[in-house]
Amino acid sequence: MLDFRMDTFLAVCRHMNFTKAARELHITQPAVTQHIHFIEKEYGVQLFSFQGKRISLTPEGRRLLGAVTTMKHDDMALRRTFDEGKTGRRQLIFGVTMTIGEYVIGKYLASYIRRHPETRIRLSIANTEELLGKLDRGEIDFALVEGFFEKRDYDFRLFRREKYLGVCAPGFIPPRETPLRFQELFPATLITREPGSGTREVLERALSEKGWGIGDFSNVVEISNMGAIKMMAQGGGGIAFLYEAAVLRELEEGVLVPVCLEDFPKYHDFTFIWRKNSLFAGQYMELLDEMERVQLQRE
């Protein structure tokens, strides 16, 4: 069990403000200051630097944040493990991003539950940013994400590599013999996921490499639902950039067609992640090994 003063440290890190941390924890600001000073004295380091009213983590504070976040996560996971020992039923509590949740993970879970019918599964589907927050707070044990993440904070392993491409309705872009340049798409409407989505971030980074941004499109429509994005693209409402797994059926049926672009399609990793140096890393690796065996059997 973590020292209660570490909860104060985590609250200050969330808010980067002693007053807001005190309000969240229902204690006084002097108590927050006292808790932080105690930890700093215990480790012999300064955790925060101050510039006027703005505070930030020192390198030592950053290292402690990573370690304490993992310890907090593992403490909650350990409590669930003890409960499993009483009930005799294992739990899988994890998260996946939208594309993986809607188009990829189902076959793996079906195979897993057939072999382990006693397992309880609780799956969260959210964007990468939300899942990282859930992972850090100990609400999920691990995650499968399509977006980018801070590799210094997580251990990770490649799950699979997926093609990422632009799609639109047939005839939306006049036929031509040579691939389009990206800037030739800017007069069109872009249909994309919300900020924080891994699907969107891949496009943002691809544009950034060329010195452009999503705002260079004449119009941007943000939709959090993958099905609605595809329907709008099918109806000729614009261009969407998605993983092939999400549009495979539509491509086969011909209701969506690939956009032929220079330097596209790209490939991006679906990554299995958990808190760095977690006590449960071995269990997560065993689970991934089993899921990879399912993938090999299907190929």
Foldseek 3Di string as FASTA:
>chain_A
DDDVLVLLLLLCQVVVALCRSCVVVVHDSVVSVVSQVVVCVVVVHHQWDDDPRGIDGDPVVVVVLLVVLLVQLQVLVVVVVVVCVVVVEAEAFEEEEDLCVPQNCPVLVVVVCVVVVRYHYDYHYHAPVVRVVCQSNNVHFWYWHQADDDCVFKDKDFQDKFWKFKKAFPPLDDDDDAADEPLVQQQWEEEEEDPRHRQQVVVQVVQVVVPHGPVSRPHYHYDNDLVVSVVCRLVSRGMYMGTCSSCVVVCVVRSMHTRGHPPDGDMTTGMMIHGPPHPCPVVSVVSSVSSVVVVVVVD
